[in-house]
Each structure stands twice: as C-alpha cells, then as structure tokens.
Amino acid sequence: MRGFSQAGIVAAVVTGSGGVVQKPEEGDDGSLAQLGRYGGHGLTLGLSTALFAWIGWRVDERLHTGPLFVILGTFTGFAAGFYSMYRRLVIEPRIAARDRDARDEPGSGDGATGG
C-alpha cells in the first residue's frame, strides 16, 4: 500500500493549477447541492415506481386479477419516473443551451449572414 496521496497530482491535471484545488466559482453548486439534486431524481424514480405498484396492487385486490396491475403499475411508474429524470437532466439543459446560443448569436457583431 502506498502511504501518500496522489490527490495533488490529479488536481494539477484536472485544474491546471499546479496541484492546488481551486475553490468553486460563483455559479458552481457545491457537492451537497448536487447530492440533493441527484438524490431527488433517484427518490422521484423510486417513489413513482412504488406508488404505481401500490396502486396496481390495490386494483388487483379489488378486481381479483392477480399480479396484472401490479406489473403494469410498476412499469408505468418506472417509465414516468425515468421520463421525469431524463427531461430534467437531458432535455431541459439542451433547451437552455440552445436558447442561450440563440440569444448570444445576434449580438456577436461579426455581421455575417447565414445564406
């Protein structure tokens, strides 16, 4: 086992700062905020799956249909939770970047026209 840390070497490569880890900038979220955000996505996925499975279980009890609605509810809840997570992590940032690029493009001042 090595008795020393390579964190300074990794930090130098990642930040280009000679081994000193830089403080987060003004707009950067801390790791606790990221934990809350991504943990929330995981909870949304898990709770939506559990809620729809429970609803399916209740419907199965009432209609005596066996595990049919539990299975359908589980897959529906997972799909809804996954779509929510995908929308917030992939689609919304993509739209925000596109809007930001569209907002910055007319003010670039290069005078070029597209066609």
C-alpha atoms as a PDB file:
ATOM      1  CA  MET A   1       0.000   0.000   0.000  1.00  0.00           C
ATOM      2  CA  ARG A   2       1.117   3.479  -0.676  1.00  0.00           C
ATOM      3  CA  GLY A   3       1.448   5.825   2.238  1.00  0.00           C
ATOM      4  CA  PHE A   4       0.876   9.003   0.259  1.00  0.00           C
ATOM      5  CA  SER A   5      -1.955  10.628  -1.649  1.00  0.00           C
ATOM      6  CA  GLN A   6      -1.994  11.367  -5.348  1.00  0.00           C
ATOM      7  CA  ALA A   7      -4.777  13.919  -4.978  1.00  0.00           C
ATOM      8  CA  GLY A   8      -2.416  16.810  -5.707  1.00  0.00           C
ATOM      9  CA  ILE A   9      -1.271  15.209  -8.953  1.00  0.00           C
ATOM     10  CA  VAL A  10      -4.844  14.550 -10.053  1.00  0.00           C
ATOM     11  CA  ALA A  11      -5.877  18.089  -9.092  1.00  0.00           C
ATOM     12  CA  ALA A  12      -2.964  19.520 -11.088  1.00  0.00           C
ATOM     13  CA  VAL A  13      -4.024  17.609 -14.169  1.00  0.00           C
ATOM     14  CA  VAL A  14      -7.712  18.401 -13.806  1.00  0.00           C
ATOM     15  CA  THR A  15      -7.477  22.077 -12.818  1.00  0.00           C
ATOM     16  CA  GLY A  16      -4.130  23.004 -14.327  1.00  0.00           C
ATOM     17  CA  SER A  17      -3.270  24.768 -11.083  1.00  0.00           C
ATOM     18  CA  GLY A  18      -0.067  23.020 -10.081  1.00  0.00           C
ATOM     19  CA  GLY A  19      -1.746  20.733  -7.578  1.00  0.00           C
ATOM     20  CA  VAL A  20      -3.884  23.282  -5.758  1.00  0.00           C
ATOM     21  CA  VAL A  21      -7.585  22.552  -5.949  1.00  0.00           C
ATOM     22  CA  GLN A  22      -9.461  25.692  -6.889  1.00  0.00           C
ATOM     23  CA  LYS A  23     -12.485  26.892  -4.998  1.00  0.00           C
ATOM     24  CA  PRO A  24     -15.782  26.632  -6.856  1.00  0.00           C
ATOM     25  CA  GLU A  25     -16.725  29.680  -8.846  1.00  0.00           C
ATOM     26  CA  GLU A  26     -19.727  31.855  -8.087  1.00  0.00           C
ATOM     27  CA  GLY A  27     -22.163  29.864 -10.246  1.00  0.00           C
ATOM     28  CA  ASP A  28     -20.901  26.413  -9.285  1.00  0.00           C
ATOM     29  CA  ASP A  29     -23.031  24.287  -6.981  1.00  0.00           C
ATOM     30  CA  GLY A  30     -21.411  22.571  -4.058  1.00  0.00           C
ATOM     31  CA  SER A  31     -21.308  18.829  -3.749  1.00  0.00           C
ATOM     32  CA  LEU A  32     -24.082  18.891  -1.140  1.00  0.00           C
ATOM     33  CA  ALA A  33     -26.389  20.712  -3.551  1.00  0.00           C
ATOM     34  CA  GLN A  34     -25.568  18.186  -6.258  1.00  0.00           C
ATOM     35  CA  LEU A  35     -26.239  15.348  -3.839  1.00  0.00           C
ATOM     36  CA  GLY A  36     -29.640  16.840  -3.105  1.00  0.00           C
ATOM     37  CA  ARG A  37     -30.450  17.380  -6.762  1.00  0.00           C
ATOM     38  CA  TYR A  38     -29.438  13.936  -7.990  1.00  0.00           C
ATOM     39  CA  GLY A  39     -30.711  12.221  -4.863  1.00  0.00           C
ATOM     40  CA  GLY A  40     -34.041  13.890  -5.551  1.00  0.00           C
ATOM     41  CA  HIS A  41     -34.082  12.404  -9.035  1.00  0.00           C
ATOM     42  CA  GLY A  42     -33.450   8.974  -7.559  1.00  0.00           C
ATOM     43  CA  LEU A  43     -36.201   9.440  -4.990  1.00  0.00           C
ATOM     44  CA  THR A  44     -38.604  10.553  -7.708  1.00  0.00           C
ATOM     45  CA  LEU A  45     -37.831   7.440  -9.718  1.00  0.00           C
ATOM     46  CA  GLY A  46     -38.174   5.118  -6.723  1.00  0.00           C
ATOM     47  CA  LEU A  47     -41.285   6.722  -5.255  1.00  0.00           C
ATOM     48  CA  SER A  48     -43.135   6.889  -8.570  1.00  0.00           C
ATOM     49  CA  THR A  49     -42.374   3.200  -9.158  1.00  0.00           C
ATOM     50  CA  ALA A  50     -43.534   2.277  -5.645  1.00  0.00           C
ATOM     51  CA  LEU A  51     -46.664   4.448  -5.837  1.00  0.00           C
ATOM     52  CA  PHE A  52     -47.822   2.998  -9.152  1.00  0.00           C
ATOM     53  CA  ALA A  53     -47.050  -0.546  -7.966  1.00  0.00           C
ATOM     54  CA  TRP A  54     -49.132   0.088  -4.834  1.00  0.00           C
ATOM     55  CA  ILE A  55     -51.997   1.449  -6.921  1.00  0.00           C
ATOM     56  CA  GLY A  56     -51.764  -1.650  -9.136  1.00  0.00           C
ATOM     57  CA  TRP A  57     -51.829  -3.866  -6.053  1.00  0.00           C
ATOM     58  CA  ARG A  58     -54.978  -2.122  -4.801  1.00  0.00           C
ATOM     59  CA  VAL A  59     -56.657  -2.519  -8.213  1.00  0.00           C
ATOM     60  CA  ASP A  60     -55.666  -6.212  -8.281  1.00  0.00           C
ATOM     61  CA  GLU A  61     -57.213  -6.699  -4.832  1.00  0.00           C
ATOM     62  CA  ARG A  62     -60.454  -5.123  -5.942  1.00  0.00           C
ATOM     63  CA  LEU A  63     -60.732  -6.868  -9.320  1.00  0.00           C
ATOM     64  CA  HIS A  64     -59.115 -10.193  -8.312  1.00  0.00           C
ATOM     65  CA  THR A  65     -56.837 -10.079 -11.347  1.00  0.00           C
ATOM     66  CA  GLY A  66     -53.652 -11.425  -9.781  1.00  0.00           C
ATOM     67  CA  PRO A  67     -50.406  -9.581 -10.385  1.00  0.00           C
ATOM     68  CA  LEU A  68     -51.520  -7.999 -13.674  1.00  0.00           C
ATOM     69  CA  PHE A  69     -51.979  -4.414 -12.465  1.00  0.00           C
ATOM     70  CA  VAL A  70     -49.018  -4.605 -10.083  1.00  0.00           C
ATOM     71  CA  ILE A  71     -46.788  -5.387 -13.052  1.00  0.00           C
ATOM     72  CA  LEU A  72     -48.411  -2.728 -15.233  1.00  0.00           C
ATOM     73  CA  GLY A  73     -48.250  -0.191 -12.420  1.00  0.00           C
ATOM     74  CA  THR A  74     -44.595  -0.932 -11.724  1.00  0.00           C
ATOM     75  CA  PHE A  75     -43.587  -0.454 -15.344  1.00  0.00           C
ATOM     76  CA  THR A  76     -45.765   2.646 -15.691  1.00  0.00           C
ATOM     77  CA  GLY A  77     -44.318   4.206 -12.531  1.00  0.00           C
ATOM     78  CA  PHE A  78     -40.770   3.436 -13.595  1.00  0.00           C
ATOM     79  CA  ALA A  79     -41.394   4.893 -17.053  1.00  0.00           C
ATOM     80  CA  ALA A  80     -42.927   8.050 -15.571  1.00  0.00           C
ATOM     81  CA  GLY A  81     -40.074   8.497 -13.087  1.00  0.00           C
ATOM     82  CA  PHE A  82     -37.432   7.831 -15.724  1.00  0.00           C
ATOM     83  CA  TYR A  83     -39.049  10.294 -18.131  1.00  0.00           C
ATOM     84  CA  SER A  84     -39.114  12.943 -15.408  1.00  0.00           C
ATOM     85  CA  MET A  85     -35.439  12.359 -14.661  1.00  0.00           C
ATOM     86  CA  TYR A  86     -34.497  12.310 -18.366  1.00  0.00           C
ATOM     87  CA  ARG A  87     -36.438  15.505 -19.028  1.00  0.00           C
ATOM     88  CA  ARG A  88     -34.709  17.384 -16.215  1.00  0.00           C
ATOM     89  CA  LEU A  89     -31.201  16.049 -16.814  1.00  0.00           C
ATOM     90  CA  VAL A  90     -31.077  15.931 -20.613  1.00  0.00           C
ATOM     91  CA  ILE A  91     -33.881  17.813 -22.351  1.00  0.00           C
ATOM     92  CA  GLU A  92     -34.104  20.966 -20.211  1.00  0.00           C
ATOM     93  CA  PRO A  93     -30.317  21.649 -20.255  1.00  0.00           C
ATOM     94  CA  ARG A  94     -30.300  21.104 -24.028  1.00  0.00           C
ATOM     95  CA  ILE A  95     -33.137  23.617 -24.479  1.00  0.00           C
ATOM     96  CA  ALA A  96     -31.425  26.095 -22.148  1.00  0.00           C
ATOM     97  CA  ALA A  97     -28.159  25.801 -24.110  1.00  0.00           C
ATOM     98  CA  ARG A  98     -29.986  26.268 -27.403  1.00  0.00           C
ATOM     99  CA  ASP A  99     -31.783  29.356 -26.072  1.00  0.00           C
ATOM    100  CA  ARG A 100     -28.514  30.727 -24.696  1.00  0.00           C
ATOM    101  CA  ASP A 101     -26.793  30.183 -28.063  1.00  0.00           C
ATOM    102  CA  ALA A 102     -29.694  31.819 -29.914  1.00  0.00           C
ATOM    103  CA  ARG A 103     -29.589  34.785 -27.542  1.00  0.00           C
ATOM    104  CA  ASP A 104     -25.823  35.192 -27.935  1.00  0.00           C
ATOM    105  CA  GLU A 105     -25.747  34.744 -31.721  1.00  0.00           C
ATOM    106  CA  PRO A 106     -27.353  38.040 -32.872  1.00  0.00           C
ATOM    107  CA  GLY A 107     -25.115  40.085 -30.573  1.00  0.00           C
ATOM    108  CA  SER A 108     -21.850  38.576 -31.826  1.00  0.00           C
ATOM    109  CA  GLY A 109     -21.183  41.613 -34.067  1.00  0.00           C
ATOM    110  CA  ASP A 110     -19.488  39.721 -36.907  1.00  0.00           C
ATOM    111  CA  GLY A 111     -22.047  40.908 -39.483  1.00  0.00           C
ATOM    112  CA  ALA A 112     -22.160  37.553 -41.259  1.00  0.00           C
ATOM    113  CA  THR A 113     -25.445  36.329 -42.644  1.00  0.00           C
ATOM    114  CA  GLY A 114     -26.457  32.723 -42.898  1.00  0.00           C
ATOM    115  CA  GLY A 115     -27.309  32.296 -46.532  1.00  0.00           C
END
